[in-house]
Amino acid sequence: MSGMPRPDQYRSFYPFAKAYKRGPVTVEAPGYEPVEGETIPRRNIKHKDALRSQPNDEISTAFELLKWASAKYGNAKAVGYRKLVKIHTETKKVKKLVDGKEQEVDKEWTYSELGPYDYMSFVEFEKLSLTLGSAFRKLGLGKGDKIQLFAATRYVLTAADLTG
């Protein structure tokens, strides 16, 4: 029993313990009919009657959201990413129908080995977004101009989207 935490220690290893003391944070959204095998949609208890279209009245763009989050959360982790370590390729035999006959054929499988997660803080992510925005302006792009990016999904693309 000596290894068990006291109630006042719960917050240190279970951060949501406080939330359970104050009751539910979501409720069933009004106006939905029950459907067999499905649950009724749930909403935050503070906004149960309608979906929020923006986090607060001062935020109306993704860039404003980024600025607000950077000011509020500072050096907290904002974006996680993993670097590619190596691409592996294996060849395996698989059964396949060829001309109506089942045959074993070689199939090549490719998968990625990724490193551990690295993180970027809200402040660092805001700085990256501002740097990308500055680079776009230097290229002659301005408000209303569009860019098209062809790349794998990466945090840099999200930063580019938030350049304002």
N, C-alpha and C. Protein backbone atom coordinates (compact mmCIF):
# COMPACT_ATOMS: atom_id res chain seq x y z
N MET A 1 0.81 -1.19 0.00
CA MET A 1 0.00 0.00 0.00
C MET A 1 0.86 1.26 0.00
N SER A 2 2.12 1.15 0.47
CA SER A 2 2.96 2.35 0.53
C SER A 2 3.29 2.90 -0.85
N GLY A 3 3.25 2.05 -1.90
CA GLY A 3 3.54 2.51 -3.25
C GLY A 3 2.37 3.21 -3.92
N MET A 4 1.20 3.16 -3.32
CA MET A 4 0.01 3.79 -3.91
C MET A 4 0.06 5.30 -3.70
N PRO A 5 -0.29 6.08 -4.71
CA PRO A 5 -0.28 7.54 -4.55
C PRO A 5 -1.44 8.00 -3.67
N ARG A 6 -1.24 9.08 -3.00
CA ARG A 6 -2.31 9.72 -2.24
C ARG A 6 -3.18 10.49 -3.22
N PRO A 7 -4.44 10.78 -2.87
CA PRO A 7 -5.31 11.53 -3.79
C PRO A 7 -4.71 12.85 -4.24
N ASP A 8 -3.95 13.52 -3.38
CA ASP A 8 -3.37 14.80 -3.77
C ASP A 8 -2.22 14.65 -4.76
N GLN A 9 -1.79 13.40 -5.00
CA GLN A 9 -0.70 13.15 -5.96
C GLN A 9 -1.22 12.72 -7.33
N TYR A 10 -2.54 12.48 -7.46
CA TYR A 10 -3.07 11.99 -8.73
C TYR A 10 -2.75 12.90 -9.90
N ARG A 11 -2.83 14.19 -9.73
CA ARG A 11 -2.63 15.12 -10.84
C ARG A 11 -1.27 14.93 -11.49
N SER A 12 -0.25 14.56 -10.71
CA SER A 12 1.10 14.45 -11.27
C SER A 12 1.22 13.31 -12.27
N PHE A 13 0.47 12.22 -12.09
CA PHE A 13 0.60 11.14 -13.07
C PHE A 13 -0.68 10.88 -13.83
N TYR A 14 -1.76 11.54 -13.49
CA TYR A 14 -3.00 11.42 -14.23
C TYR A 14 -3.60 12.81 -14.37
N PRO A 15 -3.23 13.54 -15.43
CA PRO A 15 -3.58 14.95 -15.53
C PRO A 15 -5.07 15.24 -15.62
N PHE A 16 -5.90 14.24 -15.96
CA PHE A 16 -7.32 14.52 -16.11
C PHE A 16 -8.12 14.23 -14.85
N ALA A 17 -7.45 13.83 -13.77
CA ALA A 17 -8.16 13.51 -12.54
C ALA A 17 -9.02 14.67 -12.07
N LYS A 18 -8.55 15.87 -12.24
CA LYS A 18 -9.30 17.06 -11.83
C LYS A 18 -10.60 17.19 -12.62
N ALA A 19 -10.58 16.84 -13.90
CA ALA A 19 -11.77 16.96 -14.74
C ALA A 19 -12.88 16.04 -14.23
N TYR A 20 -12.54 14.86 -13.75
CA TYR A 20 -13.56 13.93 -13.28
C TYR A 20 -14.24 14.45 -12.03
N LYS A 21 -13.59 15.25 -11.25
CA LYS A 21 -14.18 15.80 -10.03
C LYS A 21 -15.25 16.83 -10.35
N ARG A 22 -15.12 17.53 -11.48
CA ARG A 22 -16.08 18.60 -11.78
C ARG A 22 -17.22 18.13 -12.68
N GLY A 23 -17.23 16.88 -13.08
CA GLY A 23 -18.33 16.36 -13.87
C GLY A 23 -18.01 16.26 -15.35
N PRO A 24 -19.02 15.89 -16.15
CA PRO A 24 -18.78 15.68 -17.59
C PRO A 24 -18.44 16.98 -18.30
N VAL A 25 -17.63 16.86 -19.35
CA VAL A 25 -17.28 18.02 -20.16
C VAL A 25 -17.97 17.97 -21.52
N THR A 26 -18.64 16.84 -21.82
CA THR A 26 -19.41 16.75 -23.06
C THR A 26 -20.81 16.24 -22.74
N VAL A 27 -21.74 16.57 -23.63
CA VAL A 27 -23.13 16.11 -23.52
C VAL A 27 -23.62 15.72 -24.90
N GLU A 28 -24.70 14.96 -24.95
CA GLU A 28 -25.29 14.63 -26.24
C GLU A 28 -25.82 15.90 -26.88
N ALA A 29 -25.55 16.07 -28.16
CA ALA A 29 -26.02 17.25 -28.90
C ALA A 29 -27.52 17.13 -29.11
N PRO A 30 -28.25 18.22 -28.91
CA PRO A 30 -29.70 18.16 -29.08
C PRO A 30 -30.10 18.06 -30.56
N GLY A 31 -31.26 17.45 -30.80
CA GLY A 31 -31.82 17.41 -32.16
C GLY A 31 -31.43 16.21 -32.99
N TYR A 32 -30.71 15.25 -32.43
CA TYR A 32 -30.31 14.06 -33.18
C TYR A 32 -31.16 12.87 -32.77
N GLU A 33 -31.64 12.12 -33.74
CA GLU A 33 -32.41 10.92 -33.47
C GLU A 33 -31.44 9.75 -33.29
N PRO A 34 -31.75 8.86 -32.36
CA PRO A 34 -30.88 7.69 -32.18
C PRO A 34 -30.88 6.80 -33.42
N VAL A 35 -29.71 6.28 -33.78
CA VAL A 35 -29.55 5.36 -34.90
C VAL A 35 -28.94 4.09 -34.32
N GLU A 36 -29.53 2.95 -34.67
CA GLU A 36 -29.04 1.68 -34.12
C GLU A 36 -27.57 1.48 -34.47
N GLY A 37 -26.78 1.15 -33.46
CA GLY A 37 -25.35 0.89 -33.66
C GLY A 37 -24.49 2.14 -33.63
N GLU A 38 -25.10 3.31 -33.45
CA GLU A 38 -24.34 4.56 -33.41
C GLU A 38 -24.67 5.31 -32.13
N THR A 39 -23.74 6.17 -31.74
CA THR A 39 -24.01 7.03 -30.60
C THR A 39 -24.46 8.39 -31.09
N ILE A 40 -25.18 9.09 -30.26
CA ILE A 40 -25.59 10.46 -30.60
C ILE A 40 -24.35 11.35 -30.51
N PRO A 41 -24.17 12.28 -31.48
CA PRO A 41 -22.99 13.16 -31.42
C PRO A 41 -22.91 13.89 -30.08
N ARG A 42 -21.69 14.14 -29.63
CA ARG A 42 -21.47 14.83 -28.37
C ARG A 42 -20.78 16.16 -28.63
N ARG A 43 -21.05 17.12 -27.75
CA ARG A 43 -20.43 18.44 -27.86
C ARG A 43 -19.96 18.87 -26.48
N ASN A 44 -19.04 19.83 -26.49
CA ASN A 44 -18.59 20.44 -25.26
C ASN A 44 -19.80 21.01 -24.53
N ILE A 45 -19.84 20.80 -23.23
CA ILE A 45 -21.01 21.21 -22.45
C ILE A 45 -21.25 22.72 -22.52
N LYS A 46 -20.20 23.51 -22.75
CA LYS A 46 -20.35 24.97 -22.85
C LYS A 46 -20.98 25.39 -24.17
N HIS A 47 -20.93 24.51 -25.18
CA HIS A 47 -21.41 24.86 -26.52
C HIS A 47 -22.32 23.76 -27.06
N LYS A 48 -23.21 23.25 -26.19
CA LYS A 48 -24.01 22.09 -26.57
C LYS A 48 -25.04 22.39 -27.66
N ASP A 49 -25.48 23.63 -27.79
CA ASP A 49 -26.56 23.94 -28.73
C ASP A 49 -26.10 24.23 -30.15
N ALA A 50 -24.83 24.50 -30.37
CA ALA A 50 -24.35 24.81 -31.73
C ALA A 50 -22.85 24.57 -31.82
N LEU A 51 -22.40 24.22 -33.00
CA LEU A 51 -20.97 24.07 -33.23
C LEU A 51 -20.32 25.44 -33.23
N ARG A 52 -19.11 25.50 -32.75
CA ARG A 52 -18.35 26.75 -32.78
C ARG A 52 -17.71 26.89 -34.14
N SER A 53 -17.78 28.06 -34.73
CA SER A 53 -17.14 28.28 -36.02
C SER A 53 -15.76 28.90 -35.86
N GLN A 54 -15.45 29.41 -34.67
CA GLN A 54 -14.12 29.94 -34.38
C GLN A 54 -13.87 29.82 -32.88
N PRO A 55 -12.61 29.69 -32.48
CA PRO A 55 -12.29 29.45 -31.06
C PRO A 55 -12.76 30.57 -30.13
N ASN A 56 -12.62 31.80 -30.55
CA ASN A 56 -13.17 32.94 -29.79
C ASN A 56 -13.38 34.09 -30.77
N ASP A 57 -13.98 35.16 -30.28
CA ASP A 57 -14.37 36.26 -31.18
C ASP A 57 -13.19 36.99 -31.80
N GLU A 58 -12.01 36.91 -31.20
CA GLU A 58 -10.83 37.62 -31.73
C GLU A 58 -10.09 36.81 -32.80
N ILE A 59 -10.46 35.55 -32.98
CA ILE A 59 -9.75 34.68 -33.92
C ILE A 59 -10.67 34.33 -35.07
N SER A 60 -10.28 34.75 -36.29
CA SER A 60 -11.10 34.43 -37.46
C SER A 60 -10.28 33.80 -38.58
N THR A 61 -8.96 33.72 -38.43
CA THR A 61 -8.12 33.09 -39.45
C THR A 61 -7.17 32.09 -38.79
N ALA A 62 -6.63 31.19 -39.58
CA ALA A 62 -5.67 30.22 -39.06
C ALA A 62 -4.42 30.93 -38.53
N PHE A 63 -4.00 32.00 -39.20
CA PHE A 63 -2.83 32.75 -38.75
C PHE A 63 -3.08 33.38 -37.38
N GLU A 64 -4.27 33.95 -37.18
CA GLU A 64 -4.61 34.53 -35.87
C GLU A 64 -4.63 33.45 -34.80
N LEU A 65 -5.09 32.25 -35.15
CA LEU A 65 -5.07 31.12 -34.21
C LEU A 65 -3.65 30.76 -33.82
N LEU A 66 -2.76 30.73 -34.81
CA LEU A 66 -1.35 30.43 -34.54
C LEU A 66 -0.74 31.48 -33.61
N LYS A 67 -0.99 32.75 -33.87
CA LYS A 67 -0.45 33.82 -33.01
C LYS A 67 -1.00 33.68 -31.58
N TRP A 68 -2.28 33.42 -31.45
CA TRP A 68 -2.91 33.27 -30.14
C TRP A 68 -2.31 32.07 -29.39
N ALA A 69 -2.19 30.93 -30.09
CA ALA A 69 -1.65 29.71 -29.46
C ALA A 69 -0.21 29.92 -29.03
N SER A 70 0.58 30.62 -29.84
CA SER A 70 1.97 30.89 -29.49
C SER A 70 2.05 31.75 -28.24
N ALA A 71 1.19 32.77 -28.16
CA ALA A 71 1.19 33.64 -26.98
C ALA A 71 0.70 32.89 -25.74
N LYS A 72 -0.28 32.03 -25.91
CA LYS A 72 -0.87 31.33 -24.76
C LYS A 72 -0.01 30.15 -24.29
N TYR A 73 0.51 29.35 -25.22
CA TYR A 73 1.18 28.10 -24.86
C TYR A 73 2.69 28.15 -24.96
N GLY A 74 3.23 29.19 -25.62
CA GLY A 74 4.68 29.42 -25.64
C GLY A 74 5.53 28.24 -26.02
N ASN A 75 6.30 27.73 -25.06
CA ASN A 75 7.27 26.67 -25.34
C ASN A 75 6.71 25.26 -25.15
N ALA A 76 5.40 25.13 -24.99
CA ALA A 76 4.79 23.80 -24.93
C ALA A 76 4.90 23.14 -26.30
N LYS A 77 4.85 21.81 -26.33
CA LYS A 77 4.95 21.06 -27.59
C LYS A 77 3.73 21.36 -28.47
N ALA A 78 3.99 21.74 -29.71
CA ALA A 78 2.91 22.05 -30.65
C ALA A 78 2.84 21.03 -31.77
N VAL A 79 3.97 20.66 -32.32
CA VAL A 79 4.02 19.80 -33.50
C VAL A 79 5.06 18.71 -33.27
N GLY A 80 4.65 17.47 -33.50
CA GLY A 80 5.58 16.35 -33.41
C GLY A 80 5.88 15.83 -34.80
N TYR A 81 7.10 15.39 -34.99
CA TYR A 81 7.49 14.86 -36.30
C TYR A 81 8.58 13.81 -36.10
N ARG A 82 8.74 12.96 -37.11
CA ARG A 82 9.76 11.92 -37.06
C ARG A 82 10.56 11.96 -38.35
N LYS A 83 11.85 11.79 -38.23
CA LYS A 83 12.72 11.78 -39.40
C LYS A 83 12.79 10.37 -39.99
N LEU A 84 12.94 10.31 -41.30
CA LEU A 84 13.10 9.04 -41.99
C LEU A 84 14.50 8.51 -41.72
N VAL A 85 14.58 7.28 -41.22
CA VAL A 85 15.86 6.64 -40.95
C VAL A 85 16.30 5.84 -42.18
N LYS A 86 15.38 5.01 -42.68
CA LYS A 86 15.72 4.15 -43.80
C LYS A 86 14.45 3.62 -44.45
N ILE A 87 14.51 3.40 -45.77
CA ILE A 87 13.41 2.75 -46.48
C ILE A 87 13.81 1.30 -46.70
N HIS A 88 12.97 0.40 -46.23
CA HIS A 88 13.23 -1.04 -46.36
C HIS A 88 12.40 -1.61 -47.50
N THR A 89 12.97 -2.57 -48.21
CA THR A 89 12.27 -3.26 -49.28
C THR A 89 12.42 -4.76 -49.06
N GLU A 90 11.30 -5.47 -49.11
CA GLU A 90 11.31 -6.93 -48.98
C GLU A 90 10.55 -7.53 -50.15
N THR A 91 10.95 -8.73 -50.54
CA THR A 91 10.22 -9.46 -51.56
C THR A 91 9.67 -10.72 -50.91
N LYS A 92 8.36 -10.93 -51.09
CA LYS A 92 7.70 -12.10 -50.52
C LYS A 92 6.88 -12.77 -51.60
N LYS A 93 6.62 -14.05 -51.42
CA LYS A 93 5.76 -14.81 -52.32
C LYS A 93 4.32 -14.64 -51.86
N VAL A 94 3.44 -14.33 -52.80
CA VAL A 94 2.01 -14.22 -52.50
C VAL A 94 1.24 -15.03 -53.53
N LYS A 95 0.05 -15.51 -53.14
CA LYS A 95 -0.80 -16.26 -54.06
C LYS A 95 -1.63 -15.26 -54.85
N LYS A 96 -1.71 -15.51 -56.18
CA LYS A 96 -2.41 -14.59 -57.06
C LYS A 96 -3.04 -15.41 -58.19
N LEU A 97 -4.22 -14.99 -58.65
CA LEU A 97 -4.85 -15.66 -59.78
C LEU A 97 -4.27 -15.08 -61.07
N VAL A 98 -3.67 -15.92 -61.88
CA VAL A 98 -3.12 -15.53 -63.18
C VAL A 98 -3.75 -16.45 -64.22
N ASP A 99 -4.50 -15.84 -65.16
CA ASP A 99 -5.22 -16.61 -66.18
C ASP A 99 -6.08 -17.70 -65.56
N GLY A 100 -6.74 -17.37 -64.45
CA GLY A 100 -7.65 -18.31 -63.80
C GLY A 100 -6.98 -19.37 -62.96
N LYS A 101 -5.65 -19.33 -62.87
CA LYS A 101 -4.93 -20.32 -62.07
C LYS A 101 -4.21 -19.62 -60.92
N GLU A 102 -4.27 -20.29 -59.76
CA GLU A 102 -3.58 -19.71 -58.61
C GLU A 102 -2.09 -20.02 -58.71
N GLN A 103 -1.29 -18.94 -58.60
CA GLN A 103 0.16 -19.09 -58.67
C GLN A 103 0.79 -18.27 -57.55
N GLU A 104 2.00 -18.67 -57.19
CA GLU A 104 2.77 -17.86 -56.26
C GLU A 104 3.67 -16.94 -57.06
N VAL A 105 3.56 -15.66 -56.77
CA VAL A 105 4.37 -14.68 -57.47
C VAL A 105 5.11 -13.83 -56.45
N ASP A 106 6.20 -13.21 -56.90
CA ASP A 106 6.96 -12.31 -56.03
C ASP A 106 6.23 -10.97 -55.92
N LYS A 107 6.15 -10.46 -54.71
CA LYS A 107 5.58 -9.13 -54.49
C LYS A 107 6.58 -8.35 -53.64
N GLU A 108 6.84 -7.14 -54.08
CA GLU A 108 7.79 -6.29 -53.36
C GLU A 108 7.04 -5.38 -52.39
N TRP A 109 7.50 -5.35 -51.14
CA TRP A 109 6.91 -4.53 -50.10
C TRP A 109 7.92 -3.48 -49.68
N THR A 110 7.47 -2.26 -49.54
CA THR A 110 8.34 -1.18 -49.11
C THR A 110 7.74 -0.54 -47.86
N TYR A 111 8.56 -0.32 -46.84
CA TYR A 111 8.08 0.37 -45.65
C TYR A 111 9.19 1.26 -45.10
N SER A 112 8.76 2.25 -44.35
CA SER A 112 9.70 3.25 -43.83
C SER A 112 10.03 2.97 -42.37
N GLU A 113 11.28 3.15 -42.03
CA GLU A 113 11.71 3.11 -40.63
C GLU A 113 11.89 4.56 -40.19
N LEU A 114 11.17 4.94 -39.15
CA LEU A 114 11.21 6.31 -38.68
C LEU A 114 11.93 6.41 -37.34
N GLY A 115 12.57 7.54 -37.12
CA GLY A 115 13.28 7.78 -35.88
C GLY A 115 12.32 8.19 -34.77
N PRO A 116 12.86 8.55 -33.62
CA PRO A 116 12.00 8.98 -32.51
C PRO A 116 11.34 10.32 -32.82
N TYR A 117 10.30 10.63 -32.07
CA TYR A 117 9.61 11.91 -32.25
C TYR A 117 10.49 13.06 -31.78
N ASP A 118 10.49 14.11 -32.57
CA ASP A 118 11.04 15.41 -32.17
C ASP A 118 9.86 16.35 -32.11
N TYR A 119 10.01 17.41 -31.35
CA TYR A 119 8.89 18.34 -31.17
C TYR A 119 9.33 19.77 -31.43
N MET A 120 8.37 20.56 -31.88
CA MET A 120 8.57 21.98 -32.09
C MET A 120 7.55 22.69 -31.19
N SER A 121 8.01 23.71 -30.49
CA SER A 121 7.10 24.44 -29.59
C SER A 121 6.20 25.36 -30.41
N PHE A 122 5.17 25.91 -29.76
CA PHE A 122 4.28 26.86 -30.42
C PHE A 122 5.06 28.08 -30.90
N VAL A 123 6.00 28.55 -30.08
CA VAL A 123 6.81 29.71 -30.47
C VAL A 123 7.67 29.38 -31.68
N GLU A 124 8.32 28.21 -31.68
CA GLU A 124 9.16 27.81 -32.81
C GLU A 124 8.33 27.63 -34.07
N PHE A 125 7.13 27.05 -33.91
CA PHE A 125 6.26 26.83 -35.07
C PHE A 125 5.77 28.16 -35.65
N GLU A 126 5.46 29.11 -34.77
CA GLU A 126 5.07 30.44 -35.25
C GLU A 126 6.22 31.09 -36.01
N LYS A 127 7.44 30.96 -35.48
CA LYS A 127 8.61 31.54 -36.15
C LYS A 127 8.81 30.91 -37.53
N LEU A 128 8.64 29.60 -37.63
CA LEU A 128 8.75 28.92 -38.91
C LEU A 128 7.71 29.45 -39.90
N SER A 129 6.48 29.60 -39.44
CA SER A 129 5.41 30.12 -40.29
C SER A 129 5.71 31.54 -40.77
N LEU A 130 6.20 32.38 -39.86
CA LEU A 130 6.55 33.76 -40.24
C LEU A 130 7.70 33.78 -41.24
N THR A 131 8.67 32.90 -41.05
CA THR A 131 9.81 32.81 -41.98
C THR A 131 9.33 32.39 -43.37
N LEU A 132 8.45 31.39 -43.42
CA LEU A 132 7.91 30.95 -44.72
C LEU A 132 7.10 32.07 -45.37
N GLY A 133 6.30 32.77 -44.58
CA GLY A 133 5.52 33.88 -45.12
C GLY A 133 6.41 34.97 -45.69
N SER A 134 7.50 35.25 -44.99
CA SER A 134 8.45 36.24 -45.46
C SER A 134 9.08 35.81 -46.79
N ALA A 135 9.40 34.52 -46.88
CA ALA A 135 9.98 33.99 -48.12
C ALA A 135 8.99 34.11 -49.28
N PHE A 136 7.72 33.82 -49.02
CA PHE A 136 6.70 33.95 -50.07
C PHE A 136 6.59 35.41 -50.53
N ARG A 137 6.62 36.35 -49.59
CA ARG A 137 6.55 37.77 -49.96
C ARG A 137 7.77 38.18 -50.78
N LYS A 138 8.93 37.66 -50.41
CA LYS A 138 10.15 37.98 -51.16
C LYS A 138 10.06 37.47 -52.60
N LEU A 139 9.31 36.37 -52.79
CA LEU A 139 9.10 35.84 -54.14
C LEU A 139 8.05 36.63 -54.91
N GLY A 140 7.42 37.62 -54.25
CA GLY A 140 6.44 38.45 -54.93
C GLY A 140 5.00 38.05 -54.67
N LEU A 141 4.78 37.06 -53.81
CA LEU A 141 3.42 36.64 -53.50
C LEU A 141 2.80 37.58 -52.48
N GLY A 142 1.51 37.79 -52.57
CA GLY A 142 0.81 38.66 -51.64
C GLY A 142 -0.54 38.08 -51.28
N LYS A 143 -1.33 38.85 -50.55
CA LYS A 143 -2.65 38.42 -50.10
C LYS A 143 -3.50 38.03 -51.31
N GLY A 144 -4.13 36.88 -51.21
CA GLY A 144 -4.99 36.39 -52.29
C GLY A 144 -4.27 35.50 -53.29
N ASP A 145 -2.94 35.54 -53.33
CA ASP A 145 -2.20 34.65 -54.22
C ASP A 145 -2.27 33.22 -53.69
N LYS A 146 -2.18 32.28 -54.60
CA LYS A 146 -2.27 30.87 -54.21
C LYS A 146 -0.96 30.18 -54.57
N ILE A 147 -0.62 29.21 -53.73
CA ILE A 147 0.53 28.36 -54.04
C ILE A 147 0.06 26.92 -54.01
N GLN A 148 0.75 26.06 -54.72
CA GLN A 148 0.43 24.64 -54.71
C GLN A 148 1.69 23.89 -54.34
N LEU A 149 1.59 23.06 -53.31
CA LEU A 149 2.74 22.32 -52.83
C LEU A 149 2.59 20.85 -53.16
N PHE A 150 3.63 20.25 -53.68
CA PHE A 150 3.66 18.82 -53.93
C PHE A 150 4.74 18.23 -53.04
N ALA A 151 4.32 17.57 -51.98
CA ALA A 151 5.29 16.99 -51.05
C ALA A 151 4.57 16.01 -50.14
N ALA A 152 5.35 15.21 -49.46
CA ALA A 152 4.78 14.32 -48.45
C ALA A 152 4.21 15.16 -47.32
N THR A 153 3.29 14.60 -46.58
CA THR A 153 2.70 15.30 -45.45
C THR A 153 3.77 15.58 -44.41
N ARG A 154 3.97 16.84 -44.12
CA ARG A 154 4.99 17.25 -43.15
C ARG A 154 4.53 18.50 -42.42
N TYR A 155 5.11 18.73 -41.27
CA TYR A 155 4.75 19.89 -40.47
C TYR A 155 5.05 21.19 -41.19
N VAL A 156 6.01 21.19 -42.10
CA VAL A 156 6.36 22.41 -42.84
C VAL A 156 5.18 22.84 -43.72
N LEU A 157 4.42 21.88 -44.26
CA LEU A 157 3.27 22.23 -45.07
C LEU A 157 2.20 22.92 -44.23
N THR A 158 2.01 22.45 -43.01
CA THR A 158 1.06 23.10 -42.12
C THR A 158 1.52 24.51 -41.81
N ALA A 159 2.82 24.68 -41.56
CA ALA A 159 3.37 26.01 -41.29
C ALA A 159 3.15 26.92 -42.49
N ALA A 160 3.31 26.40 -43.70
CA ALA A 160 3.11 27.20 -44.90
C ALA A 160 1.65 27.64 -45.01
N ASP A 161 0.74 26.76 -44.61
CA ASP A 161 -0.68 27.09 -44.65
C ASP A 161 -1.03 28.20 -43.66
N LEU A 162 -0.26 28.34 -42.62
CA LEU A 162 -0.55 29.32 -41.55
C LEU A 162 0.21 30.63 -41.72
N THR A 163 0.76 30.87 -42.89
CA THR A 163 1.60 32.07 -43.08
C THR A 163 0.81 33.37 -43.07
N GLY A 164 -0.48 33.31 -43.11
CA GLY A 164 -1.29 34.54 -43.05
C GLY A 164 -1.47 35.07 -44.38
